[in-house]
Amino acid sequence: MDMDQEYNPNLITVQDDDGVEHIFEELDRIETDEGRYVAMLPTYDSEEEMLESDSELIILKVFDEGDETFLAAIEDDDEFDEIAEIFEERLADIFEIDVVEADVIPEEE
């Protein structure tokens, strides 16, 4: 990234079922034969909040009802795994991240 360019994240405000608003940074979006999807990270008001959080990537399915757009969890595990893999590859390329598979260490008996 050019040092003269200012970073302007694409922020999305989402209202949950209880009417509480949450702000996320949209990292990427894709469309497949199965639907439209978005990958986001939560935003935080302070560095302390950010350091205390897990900051896991959130992947949701996008759907429209009338003039409104909604986001929903992906209920099907196979669909989620497929979409998560696509986002992982795309985001690794966008952000130049090397994805390393973690070795599973067997528990001691």
PDB file of N, CA and C in Angstrom:
ATOM      1  N   MET A   1       0.839  -1.164   0.000  1.00  0.00           N
ATOM      2  CA  MET A   1       0.000   0.000   0.000  1.00  0.00           C
ATOM      3  C   MET A   1       0.888   1.232   0.000  1.00  0.00           C
ATOM      4  N   ASP A   2       0.531   2.196  -0.815  1.00  0.00           N
ATOM      5  CA  ASP A   2       1.241   3.448  -0.907  1.00  0.00           C
ATOM      6  C   ASP A   2       1.065   4.226   0.396  1.00  0.00           C
ATOM      7  N   MET A   3       2.157   4.749   0.945  1.00  0.00           N
ATOM      8  CA  MET A   3       2.094   5.467   2.217  1.00  0.00           C
ATOM      9  C   MET A   3       1.239   6.728   2.114  1.00  0.00           C
ATOM     10  N   ASP A   4       1.061   7.266   0.902  1.00  0.00           N
ATOM     11  CA  ASP A   4       0.245   8.467   0.728  1.00  0.00           C
ATOM     12  C   ASP A   4      -1.242   8.148   0.749  1.00  0.00           C
ATOM     13  N   GLN A   5      -1.597   6.881   0.561  1.00  0.00           N
ATOM     14  CA  GLN A   5      -2.999   6.490   0.578  1.00  0.00           C
ATOM     15  C   GLN A   5      -3.469   6.332   2.014  1.00  0.00           C
ATOM     16  N   GLU A   6      -4.648   6.879   2.279  1.00  0.00           N
ATOM     17  CA  GLU A   6      -5.215   6.746   3.609  1.00  0.00           C
ATOM     18  C   GLU A   6      -6.105   5.509   3.629  1.00  0.00           C
ATOM     19  N   TYR A   7      -6.012   4.749   4.717  1.00  0.00           N
ATOM     20  CA  TYR A   7      -6.816   3.539   4.853  1.00  0.00           C
ATOM     21  C   TYR A   7      -8.223   3.930   5.294  1.00  0.00           C
ATOM     22  N   ASN A   8      -9.205   3.588   4.491  1.00  0.00           N
ATOM     23  CA  ASN A   8     -10.598   3.871   4.808  1.00  0.00           C
ATOM     24  C   ASN A   8     -11.373   2.561   4.794  1.00  0.00           C
ATOM     25  N   PRO A   9     -11.566   1.967   5.971  1.00  0.00           N
ATOM     26  CA  PRO A   9     -12.280   0.687   6.006  1.00  0.00           C
ATOM     27  C   PRO A   9     -13.746   0.867   5.632  1.00  0.00           C
ATOM     28  N   ASN A  10     -14.327  -0.191   5.071  1.00  0.00           N
ATOM     29  CA  ASN A  10     -15.742  -0.197   4.745  1.00  0.00           C
ATOM     30  C   ASN A  10     -16.488  -0.673   5.990  1.00  0.00           C
ATOM     31  N   LEU A  11     -17.087   0.266   6.725  1.00  0.00           N
ATOM     32  CA  LEU A  11     -17.768  -0.064   7.961  1.00  0.00           C
ATOM     33  C   LEU A  11     -19.254  -0.295   7.713  1.00  0.00           C
ATOM     34  N   ILE A  12     -19.777  -1.327   8.361  1.00  0.00           N
ATOM     35  CA  ILE A  12     -21.183  -1.700   8.230  1.00  0.00           C
ATOM     36  C   ILE A  12     -21.793  -1.706   9.619  1.00  0.00           C
ATOM     37  N   THR A  13     -22.947  -1.057   9.759  1.00  0.00           N
ATOM     38  CA  THR A  13     -23.678  -1.102  11.024  1.00  0.00           C
ATOM     39  C   THR A  13     -24.773  -2.147  10.889  1.00  0.00           C
ATOM     40  N   VAL A  14     -24.783  -3.096  11.817  1.00  0.00           N
ATOM     41  CA  VAL A  14     -25.746  -4.195  11.798  1.00  0.00           C
ATOM     42  C   VAL A  14     -26.556  -4.131  13.089  1.00  0.00           C
ATOM     43  N   GLN A  15     -27.860  -4.266  12.935  1.00  0.00           N
ATOM     44  CA  GLN A  15     -28.736  -4.279  14.102  1.00  0.00           C
ATOM     45  C   GLN A  15     -29.146  -5.715  14.389  1.00  0.00           C
ATOM     46  N   ASP A  16     -28.916  -6.166  15.636  1.00  0.00           N
ATOM     47  CA  ASP A  16     -29.260  -7.542  15.976  1.00  0.00           C
ATOM     48  C   ASP A  16     -30.750  -7.653  16.319  1.00  0.00           C
ATOM     49  N   ASP A  17     -31.195  -8.863  16.663  1.00  0.00           N
ATOM     50  CA  ASP A  17     -32.603  -9.123  16.941  1.00  0.00           C
ATOM     51  C   ASP A  17     -33.132  -8.316  18.130  1.00  0.00           C
ATOM     52  N   ASP A  18     -32.222  -7.877  19.022  1.00  0.00           N
ATOM     53  CA  ASP A  18     -32.623  -7.094  20.193  1.00  0.00           C
ATOM     54  C   ASP A  18     -32.578  -5.590  19.927  1.00  0.00           C
ATOM     55  N   GLY A  19     -32.261  -5.200  18.687  1.00  0.00           N
ATOM     56  CA  GLY A  19     -32.210  -3.786  18.341  1.00  0.00           C
ATOM     57  C   GLY A  19     -30.892  -3.107  18.657  1.00  0.00           C
ATOM     58  N   VAL A  20     -29.894  -3.877  19.098  1.00  0.00           N
ATOM     59  CA  VAL A  20     -28.578  -3.326  19.429  1.00  0.00           C
ATOM     60  C   VAL A  20     -27.752  -3.237  18.150  1.00  0.00           C
ATOM     61  N   GLU A  21     -27.120  -2.073  17.949  1.00  0.00           N
ATOM     62  CA  GLU A  21     -26.290  -1.883  16.766  1.00  0.00           C
ATOM     63  C   GLU A  21     -24.851  -2.303  17.030  1.00  0.00           C
ATOM     64  N   HIS A  22     -24.256  -2.975  16.046  1.00  0.00           N
ATOM     65  CA  HIS A  22     -22.860  -3.410  16.101  1.00  0.00           C
ATOM     66  C   HIS A  22     -22.191  -2.925  14.820  1.00  0.00           C
ATOM     67  N   ILE A  23     -20.942  -2.502  14.929  1.00  0.00           N
ATOM     68  CA  ILE A  23     -20.218  -2.005  13.761  1.00  0.00           C
ATOM     69  C   ILE A  23     -19.131  -3.008  13.393  1.00  0.00           C
ATOM     70  N   PHE A  24     -19.101  -3.358  12.107  1.00  0.00           N
ATOM     71  CA  PHE A  24     -18.137  -4.316  11.583  1.00  0.00           C
ATOM     72  C   PHE A  24     -17.383  -3.690  10.418  1.00  0.00           C
ATOM     73  N   GLU A  25     -16.175  -4.185  10.210  1.00  0.00           N
ATOM     74  CA  GLU A  25     -15.412  -3.815   9.025  1.00  0.00           C
ATOM     75  C   GLU A  25     -15.602  -4.920   7.998  1.00  0.00           C
ATOM     76  N   GLU A  26     -16.130  -4.555   6.838  1.00  0.00           N
ATOM     77  CA  GLU A  26     -16.296  -5.536   5.765  1.00  0.00           C
ATOM     78  C   GLU A  26     -14.948  -5.737   5.083  1.00  0.00           C
ATOM     79  N   LEU A  27     -14.497  -6.992   5.066  1.00  0.00           N
ATOM     80  CA  LEU A  27     -13.217  -7.318   4.443  1.00  0.00           C
ATOM     81  C   LEU A  27     -13.375  -7.771   3.001  1.00  0.00           C
ATOM     82  N   ASP A  28     -14.453  -8.499   2.736  1.00  0.00           N
ATOM     83  CA  ASP A  28     -14.636  -9.058   1.399  1.00  0.00           C
ATOM     84  C   ASP A  28     -16.075  -9.523   1.256  1.00  0.00           C
ATOM     85  N   ARG A  29     -16.504  -9.655   0.010  1.00  0.00           N
ATOM     86  CA  ARG A  29     -17.816 -10.234  -0.268  1.00  0.00           C
ATOM     87  C   ARG A  29     -17.709 -11.064  -1.547  1.00  0.00           C
ATOM     88  N   ILE A  30     -18.494 -12.130  -1.583  1.00  0.00           N
ATOM     89  CA  ILE A  30     -18.486 -12.995  -2.759  1.00  0.00           C
ATOM     90  C   ILE A  30     -19.912 -13.401  -3.099  1.00  0.00           C
ATOM     91  N   GLU A  31     -20.073 -13.870  -4.329  1.00  0.00           N
ATOM     92  CA  GLU A  31     -21.349 -14.428  -4.768  1.00  0.00           C
ATOM     93  C   GLU A  31     -21.050 -15.765  -5.439  1.00  0.00           C
ATOM     94  N   THR A  32     -21.786 -16.804  -5.031  1.00  0.00           N
ATOM     95  CA  THR A  32     -21.637 -18.133  -5.617  1.00  0.00           C
ATOM     96  C   THR A  32     -23.005 -18.568  -6.127  1.00  0.00           C
ATOM     97  N   ASP A  33     -23.074 -19.785  -6.652  1.00  0.00           N
ATOM     98  CA  ASP A  33     -24.363 -20.330  -7.080  1.00  0.00           C
ATOM     99  C   ASP A  33     -25.314 -20.501  -5.895  1.00  0.00           C
ATOM    100  N   GLU A  34     -24.758 -20.623  -4.684  1.00  0.00           N
ATOM    101  CA  GLU A  34     -25.563 -20.859  -3.483  1.00  0.00           C
ATOM    102  C   GLU A  34     -26.077 -19.568  -2.859  1.00  0.00           C
ATOM    103  N   GLY A  35     -25.438 -18.429  -3.152  1.00  0.00           N
ATOM    104  CA  GLY A  35     -25.888 -17.173  -2.572  1.00  0.00           C
ATOM    105  C   GLY A  35     -24.788 -16.138  -2.487  1.00  0.00           C
ATOM    106  N   ARG A  36     -25.079 -15.053  -1.736  1.00  0.00           N
ATOM    107  CA  ARG A  36     -24.124 -13.973  -1.514  1.00  0.00           C
ATOM    108  C   ARG A  36     -23.656 -14.043  -0.065  1.00  0.00           C
ATOM    109  N   TYR A  37     -22.360 -13.716   0.134  1.00  0.00           N
ATOM    110  CA  TYR A  37     -21.756 -13.848   1.454  1.00  0.00           C
ATOM    111  C   TYR A  37     -20.848 -12.655   1.722  1.00  0.00           C
ATOM    112  N   VAL A  38     -20.648 -12.373   3.009  1.00  0.00           N
ATOM    113  CA  VAL A  38     -19.771 -11.281   3.415  1.00  0.00           C
ATOM    114  C   VAL A  38     -18.872 -11.770   4.553  1.00  0.00           C
ATOM    115  N   ALA A  39     -17.609 -11.308   4.527  1.00  0.00           N
ATOM    116  CA  ALA A  39     -16.656 -11.616   5.594  1.00  0.00           C
ATOM    117  C   ALA A  39     -16.353 -10.307   6.311  1.00  0.00           C
ATOM    118  N   MET A  40     -16.514 -10.316   7.657  1.00  0.00           N
ATOM    119  CA  MET A  40     -16.363  -9.091   8.429  1.00  0.00           C
ATOM    120  C   MET A  40     -15.571  -9.350   9.709  1.00  0.00           C
ATOM    121  N   LEU A  41     -15.050  -8.261  10.262  1.00  0.00           N
ATOM    122  CA  LEU A  41     -14.414  -8.270  11.573  1.00  0.00           C
ATOM    123  C   LEU A  41     -15.120  -7.240  12.444  1.00  0.00           C
ATOM    124  N   PRO A  42     -15.310  -7.537  13.721  1.00  0.00           N
ATOM    125  CA  PRO A  42     -15.907  -6.531  14.606  1.00  0.00           C
ATOM    126  C   PRO A  42     -14.945  -5.354  14.783  1.00  0.00           C
ATOM    127  N   THR A  43     -15.504  -4.168  15.030  1.00  0.00           N
ATOM    128  CA  THR A  43     -14.683  -3.000  15.345  1.00  0.00           C
ATOM    129  C   THR A  43     -14.793  -2.728  16.838  1.00  0.00           C
ATOM    130  N   TYR A  44     -13.852  -1.976  17.352  1.00  0.00           N
ATOM    131  CA  TYR A  44     -13.798  -1.713  18.790  1.00  0.00           C
ATOM    132  C   TYR A  44     -13.584  -0.225  19.045  1.00  0.00           C
ATOM    133  N   ASP A  45     -14.071   0.221  20.196  1.00  0.00           N
ATOM    134  CA  ASP A  45     -13.942   1.623  20.573  1.00  0.00           C
ATOM    135  C   ASP A  45     -12.557   1.958  21.106  1.00  0.00           C
ATOM    136  N   SER A  46     -11.847   0.958  21.587  1.00  0.00           N
ATOM    137  CA  SER A  46     -10.519   1.231  22.159  1.00  0.00           C
ATOM    138  C   SER A  46      -9.564   0.094  21.811  1.00  0.00           C
ATOM    139  N   GLU A  47      -8.271   0.391  21.922  1.00  0.00           N
ATOM    140  CA  GLU A  47      -7.260  -0.636  21.683  1.00  0.00           C
ATOM    141  C   GLU A  47      -7.359  -1.734  22.736  1.00  0.00           C
ATOM    142  N   GLU A  48      -7.718  -1.361  23.948  1.00  0.00           N
ATOM    143  CA  GLU A  48      -7.848  -2.336  25.030  1.00  0.00           C
ATOM    144  C   GLU A  48      -8.938  -3.362  24.706  1.00  0.00           C
ATOM    145  N   GLU A  49     -10.081  -2.869  24.220  1.00  0.00           N
ATOM    146  CA  GLU A  49     -11.155  -3.787  23.826  1.00  0.00           C
ATOM    147  C   GLU A  49     -10.683  -4.733  22.729  1.00  0.00           C
ATOM    148  N   MET A  50      -9.947  -4.184  21.767  1.00  0.00           N
ATOM    149  CA  MET A  50      -9.462  -4.988  20.647  1.00  0.00           C
ATOM    150  C   MET A  50      -8.518  -6.084  21.137  1.00  0.00           C
ATOM    151  N   LEU A  51      -7.629  -5.739  22.063  1.00  0.00           N
ATOM    152  CA  LEU A  51      -6.667  -6.711  22.575  1.00  0.00           C
ATOM    153  C   LEU A  51      -7.333  -7.800  23.408  1.00  0.00           C
ATOM    154  N   GLU A  52      -8.439  -7.487  24.049  1.00  0.00           N
ATOM    155  CA  GLU A  52      -9.143  -8.451  24.895  1.00  0.00           C
ATOM    156  C   GLU A  52     -10.081  -9.367  24.102  1.00  0.00           C
ATOM    157  N   SER A  53     -10.323  -9.043  22.862  1.00  0.00           N
ATOM    158  CA  SER A  53     -11.282  -9.826  22.068  1.00  0.00           C
ATOM    159  C   SER A  53     -10.592 -10.938  21.294  1.00  0.00           C
ATOM    160  N   ASP A  54     -11.416 -11.854  20.743  1.00  0.00           N
ATOM    161  CA  ASP A  54     -10.896 -12.937  19.896  1.00  0.00           C
ATOM    162  C   ASP A  54     -10.721 -12.455  18.460  1.00  0.00           C
ATOM    163  N   SER A  55     -11.508 -11.448  18.048  1.00  0.00           N
ATOM    164  CA  SER A  55     -11.476 -10.882  16.690  1.00  0.00           C
ATOM    165  C   SER A  55     -11.509 -11.954  15.613  1.00  0.00           C
ATOM    166  N   GLU A  56     -12.430 -12.886  15.740  1.00  0.00           N
ATOM    167  CA  GLU A  56     -12.557 -13.914  14.728  1.00  0.00           C
ATOM    168  C   GLU A  56     -13.307 -13.375  13.525  1.00  0.00           C
ATOM    169  N   LEU A  57     -12.955 -13.868  12.363  1.00  0.00           N
ATOM    170  CA  LEU A  57     -13.624 -13.510  11.136  1.00  0.00           C
ATOM    171  C   LEU A  57     -15.070 -13.993  11.194  1.00  0.00           C
ATOM    172  N   ILE A  58     -15.993 -13.119  10.849  1.00  0.00           N
ATOM    173  CA  ILE A  58     -17.410 -13.457  10.851  1.00  0.00           C
ATOM    174  C   ILE A  58     -17.858 -13.577   9.402  1.00  0.00           C
ATOM    175  N   ILE A  59     -18.433 -14.723   9.070  1.00  0.00           N
ATOM    176  CA  ILE A  59     -18.912 -14.976   7.708  1.00  0.00           C
ATOM    177  C   ILE A  59     -20.415 -15.168   7.781  1.00  0.00           C
ATOM    178  N   LEU A  60     -21.135 -14.338   7.015  1.00  0.00           N
ATOM    179  CA  LEU A  60     -22.595 -14.392   7.025  1.00  0.00           C
ATOM    180  C   LEU A  60     -23.135 -14.451   5.614  1.00  0.00           C
ATOM    181  N   LYS A  61     -24.342 -14.980   5.502  1.00  0.00           N
ATOM    182  CA  LYS A  61     -25.036 -15.036   4.227  1.00  0.00           C
ATOM    183  C   LYS A  61     -25.898 -13.790   4.097  1.00  0.00           C
ATOM    184  N   VAL A  62     -25.940 -13.216   2.905  1.00  0.00           N
ATOM    185  CA  VAL A  62     -26.691 -12.003   2.627  1.00  0.00           C
ATOM    186  C   VAL A  62     -27.958 -12.389   1.880  1.00  0.00           C
ATOM    187  N   PHE A  63     -29.100 -11.858   2.326  1.00  0.00           N
ATOM    188  CA  PHE A  63     -30.330 -12.084   1.569  1.00  0.00           C
ATOM    189  C   PHE A  63     -31.215 -10.851   1.667  1.00  0.00           C
ATOM    190  N   ASP A  64     -32.077 -10.704   0.665  1.00  0.00           N
ATOM    191  CA  ASP A  64     -32.968  -9.552   0.584  1.00  0.00           C
ATOM    192  C   ASP A  64     -34.403  -9.983   0.794  1.00  0.00           C
ATOM    193  N   GLU A  65     -35.133  -9.145   1.507  1.00  0.00           N
ATOM    194  CA  GLU A  65     -36.581  -9.300   1.641  1.00  0.00           C
ATOM    195  C   GLU A  65     -37.177  -7.942   1.342  1.00  0.00           C
ATOM    196  N   GLY A  66     -37.831  -7.841   0.197  1.00  0.00           N
ATOM    197  CA  GLY A  66     -38.358  -6.544  -0.214  1.00  0.00           C
ATOM    198  C   GLY A  66     -37.215  -5.586  -0.454  1.00  0.00           C
ATOM    199  N   ASP A  67     -37.282  -4.415   0.196  1.00  0.00           N
ATOM    200  CA  ASP A  67     -36.247  -3.396   0.037  1.00  0.00           C
ATOM    201  C   ASP A  67     -35.152  -3.495   1.096  1.00  0.00           C
ATOM    202  N   GLU A  68     -35.245  -4.487   1.980  1.00  0.00           N
ATOM    203  CA  GLU A  68     -34.279  -4.593   3.069  1.00  0.00           C
ATOM    204  C   GLU A  68     -33.295  -5.735   2.831  1.00  0.00           C
ATOM    205  N   THR A  69     -32.068  -5.523   3.300  1.00  0.00           N
ATOM    206  CA  THR A  69     -31.021  -6.538   3.216  1.00  0.00           C
ATOM    207  C   THR A  69     -30.759  -7.060   4.616  1.00  0.00           C
ATOM    208  N   PHE A  70     -30.648  -8.392   4.722  1.00  0.00           N
ATOM    209  CA  PHE A  70     -30.412  -9.040   6.007  1.00  0.00           C
ATOM    210  C   PHE A  70     -29.164  -9.908   5.928  1.00  0.00           C
ATOM    211  N   LEU A  71     -28.534 -10.107   7.079  1.00  0.00           N
ATOM    212  CA  LEU A  71     -27.403 -11.013   7.209  1.00  0.00           C
ATOM    213  C   LEU A  71     -27.815 -12.125   8.151  1.00  0.00           C
ATOM    214  N   ALA A  72     -27.417 -13.353   7.820  1.00  0.00           N
ATOM    215  CA  ALA A  72     -27.787 -14.497   8.655  1.00  0.00           C
ATOM    216  C   ALA A  72     -26.626 -15.477   8.733  1.00  0.00           C
ATOM    217  N   ALA A  73     -26.596 -16.215   9.828  1.00  0.00           N
ATOM    218  CA  ALA A  73     -25.592 -17.266   9.987  1.00  0.00           C
ATOM    219  C   ALA A  73     -25.819 -18.337   8.931  1.00  0.00           C
ATOM    220  N   ILE A  74     -24.744 -18.981   8.516  1.00  0.00           N
ATOM    221  CA  ILE A  74     -24.832 -20.083   7.555  1.00  0.00           C
ATOM    222  C   ILE A  74     -25.074 -21.348   8.373  1.00  0.00           C
ATOM    223  N   GLU A  75     -26.266 -21.912   8.242  1.00  0.00           N
ATOM    224  CA  GLU A  75     -26.664 -23.057   9.066  1.00  0.00           C
ATOM    225  C   GLU A  75     -26.038 -24.376   8.619  1.00  0.00           C
ATOM    226  N   ASP A  76     -25.844 -24.550   7.319  1.00  0.00           N
ATOM    227  CA  ASP A  76     -25.320 -25.799   6.771  1.00  0.00           C
ATOM    228  C   ASP A  76     -23.799 -25.831   6.925  1.00  0.00           C
ATOM    229  N   ASP A  77     -23.273 -26.838   7.633  1.00  0.00           N
ATOM    230  CA  ASP A  77     -21.837 -26.934   7.890  1.00  0.00           C
ATOM    231  C   ASP A  77     -21.012 -27.051   6.617  1.00  0.00           C
ATOM    232  N   ASP A  78     -21.483 -27.849   5.639  1.00  0.00           N
ATOM    233  CA  ASP A  78     -20.740 -28.015   4.386  1.00  0.00           C
ATOM    234  C   ASP A  78     -20.679 -26.698   3.617  1.00  0.00           C
ATOM    235  N   GLU A  79     -21.805 -25.990   3.576  1.00  0.00           N
ATOM    236  CA  GLU A  79     -21.851 -24.690   2.901  1.00  0.00           C
ATOM    237  C   GLU A  79     -20.895 -23.713   3.593  1.00  0.00           C
ATOM    238  N   PHE A  80     -20.927 -23.679   4.943  1.00  0.00           N
ATOM    239  CA  PHE A  80     -20.044 -22.780   5.685  1.00  0.00           C
ATOM    240  C   PHE A  80     -18.584 -23.107   5.403  1.00  0.00           C
ATOM    241  N   ASP A  81     -18.211 -24.386   5.465  1.00  0.00           N
ATOM    242  CA  ASP A  81     -16.822 -24.782   5.222  1.00  0.00           C
ATOM    243  C   ASP A  81     -16.359 -24.363   3.830  1.00  0.00           C
ATOM    244  N   GLU A  82     -17.218 -24.548   2.836  1.00  0.00           N
ATOM    245  CA  GLU A  82     -16.878 -24.183   1.457  1.00  0.00           C
ATOM    246  C   GLU A  82     -16.657 -22.675   1.339  1.00  0.00           C
ATOM    247  N   ILE A  83     -17.556 -21.883   1.904  1.00  0.00           N
ATOM    248  CA  ILE A  83     -17.465 -20.426   1.814  1.00  0.00           C
ATOM    249  C   ILE A  83     -16.280 -19.919   2.633  1.00  0.00           C
ATOM    250  N   ALA A  84     -16.060 -20.481   3.808  1.00  0.00           N
ATOM    251  CA  ALA A  84     -14.928 -20.076   4.649  1.00  0.00           C
ATOM    252  C   ALA A  84     -13.608 -20.315   3.930  1.00  0.00           C
ATOM    253  N   GLU A  85     -13.502 -21.433   3.230  1.00  0.00           N
ATOM    254  CA  GLU A  85     -12.274 -21.739   2.482  1.00  0.00           C
ATOM    255  C   GLU A  85     -12.041 -20.720   1.366  1.00  0.00           C
ATOM    256  N   ILE A  86     -13.112 -20.335   0.670  1.00  0.00           N
ATOM    257  CA  ILE A  86     -12.991 -19.335  -0.395  1.00  0.00           C
ATOM    258  C   ILE A  86     -12.506 -18.012   0.187  1.00  0.00           C
ATOM    259  N   PHE A  87     -13.139 -17.573   1.291  1.00  0.00           N
ATOM    260  CA  PHE A  87     -12.721 -16.318   1.920  1.00  0.00           C
ATOM    261  C   PHE A  87     -11.283 -16.398   2.420  1.00  0.00           C
ATOM    262  N   GLU A  88     -10.897 -17.518   2.999  1.00  0.00           N
ATOM    263  CA  GLU A  88      -9.538 -17.674   3.521  1.00  0.00           C
ATOM    264  C   GLU A  88      -8.515 -17.484   2.402  1.00  0.00           C
ATOM    265  N   GLU A  89      -8.774 -18.112   1.251  1.00  0.00           N
ATOM    266  CA  GLU A  89      -7.856 -17.988   0.119  1.00  0.00           C
ATOM    267  C   GLU A  89      -7.820 -16.555  -0.407  1.00  0.00           C
ATOM    268  N   ARG A  90      -9.005 -15.944  -0.553  1.00  0.00           N
ATOM    269  CA  ARG A  90      -9.078 -14.579  -1.091  1.00  0.00           C
ATOM    270  C   ARG A  90      -8.417 -13.578  -0.147  1.00  0.00           C
ATOM    271  N   LEU A  91      -8.687 -13.695   1.140  1.00  0.00           N
ATOM    272  CA  LEU A  91      -8.124 -12.750   2.100  1.00  0.00           C
ATOM    273  C   LEU A  91      -6.627 -12.935   2.262  1.00  0.00           C
ATOM    274  N   ALA A  92      -6.154 -14.168   2.153  1.00  0.00           N
ATOM    275  CA  ALA A  92      -4.713 -14.416   2.209  1.00  0.00           C
ATOM    276  C   ALA A  92      -4.021 -13.708   1.048  1.00  0.00           C
ATOM    277  N   ASP A  93      -4.661 -13.713  -0.129  1.00  0.00           N
ATOM    278  CA  ASP A  93      -4.099 -13.025  -1.297  1.00  0.00           C
ATOM    279  C   ASP A  93      -4.179 -11.510  -1.128  1.00  0.00           C
ATOM    280  N   ILE A  94      -5.331 -11.013  -0.686  1.00  0.00           N
ATOM    281  CA  ILE A  94      -5.534  -9.570  -0.547  1.00  0.00           C
ATOM    282  C   ILE A  94      -4.565  -8.984   0.472  1.00  0.00           C
ATOM    283  N   PHE A  95      -4.451  -9.643   1.620  1.00  0.00           N
ATOM    284  CA  PHE A  95      -3.639  -9.110   2.703  1.00  0.00           C
ATOM    285  C   PHE A  95      -2.242  -9.727   2.763  1.00  0.00           C
ATOM    286  N   GLU A  96      -1.897 -10.514   1.735  1.00  0.00           N
ATOM    287  CA  GLU A  96      -0.586 -11.154   1.629  1.00  0.00           C
ATOM    288  C   GLU A  96      -0.225 -11.910   2.901  1.00  0.00           C
ATOM    289  N   ILE A  97      -1.137 -12.806   3.299  1.00  0.00           N
ATOM    290  CA  ILE A  97      -0.958 -13.623   4.498  1.00  0.00           C
ATOM    291  C   ILE A  97      -0.585 -15.036   4.060  1.00  0.00           C
ATOM    292  N   ASP A  98       0.416 -15.607   4.710  1.00  0.00           N
ATOM    293  CA  ASP A  98       0.751 -17.003   4.472  1.00  0.00           C
ATOM    294  C   ASP A  98      -0.082 -17.841   5.436  1.00  0.00           C
ATOM    295  N   VAL A  99      -0.914 -18.717   4.896  1.00  0.00           N
ATOM    296  CA  VAL A  99      -1.751 -19.570   5.737  1.00  0.00           C
ATOM    297  C   VAL A  99      -0.943 -20.804   6.097  1.00  0.00           C
ATOM    298  N   VAL A 100      -0.798 -21.034   7.391  1.00  0.00           N
ATOM    299  CA  VAL A 100      -0.029 -22.174   7.879  1.00  0.00           C
ATOM    300  C   VAL A 100      -0.991 -23.099   8.604  1.00  0.00           C
ATOM    301  N   GLU A 101      -0.984 -24.351   8.219  1.00  0.00           N
ATOM    302  CA  GLU A 101      -1.819 -25.343   8.888  1.00  0.00           C
ATOM    303  C   GLU A 101      -1.204 -25.660  10.242  1.00  0.00           C
ATOM    304  N   ALA A 102      -2.017 -25.630  11.268  1.00  0.00           N
ATOM    305  CA  ALA A 102      -1.528 -25.925  12.615  1.00  0.00           C
ATOM    306  C   ALA A 102      -1.388 -27.430  12.790  1.00  0.00           C
ATOM    307  N   ASP A 103      -0.272 -27.844  13.398  1.00  0.00           N
ATOM    308  CA  ASP A 103      -0.092 -29.245  13.719  1.00  0.00           C
ATOM    309  C   ASP A 103      -0.916 -29.555  14.964  1.00  0.00           C
ATOM    310  N   VAL A 104      -1.621 -30.639  14.927  1.00  0.00           N
ATOM    311  CA  VAL A 104      -2.409 -31.044  16.085  1.00  0.00           C
ATOM    312  C   VAL A 104      -1.525 -31.881  17.006  1.00  0.00           C
ATOM    313  N   ILE A 105      -1.405 -31.434  18.226  1.00  0.00           N
ATOM    314  CA  ILE A 105      -0.585 -32.142  19.202  1.00  0.00           C
ATOM    315  C   ILE A 105      -1.498 -33.062  20.000  1.00  0.00           C
ATOM    316  N   PRO A 106      -1.249 -34.368  19.976  1.00  0.00           N
ATOM    317  CA  PRO A 106      -2.113 -35.289  20.715  1.00  0.00           C
ATOM    318  C   PRO A 106      -2.022 -35.041  22.212  1.00  0.00           C
ATOM    319  N   GLU A 107      -3.164 -35.186  22.861  1.00  0.00           N
ATOM    320  CA  GLU A 107      -3.197 -35.012  24.317  1.00  0.00           C
ATOM    321  C   GLU A 107      -2.481 -36.176  24.984  1.00  0.00           C
ATOM    322  N   GLU A 108      -1.804 -35.860  26.094  1.00  0.00           N
ATOM    323  CA  GLU A 108      -1.123 -36.917  26.848  1.00  0.00           C
ATOM    324  C   GLU A 108      -2.158 -37.698  27.634  1.00  0.00           C
ATOM    325  N   GLU A 109      -1.953 -38.988  27.721  1.00  0.00           N
ATOM    326  CA  GLU A 109      -2.885 -39.832  28.449  1.00  0.00           C
ATOM    327  C   GLU A 109      -2.525 -39.939  29.894  1.00  0.00           C
TER     328      GLU A 109
END
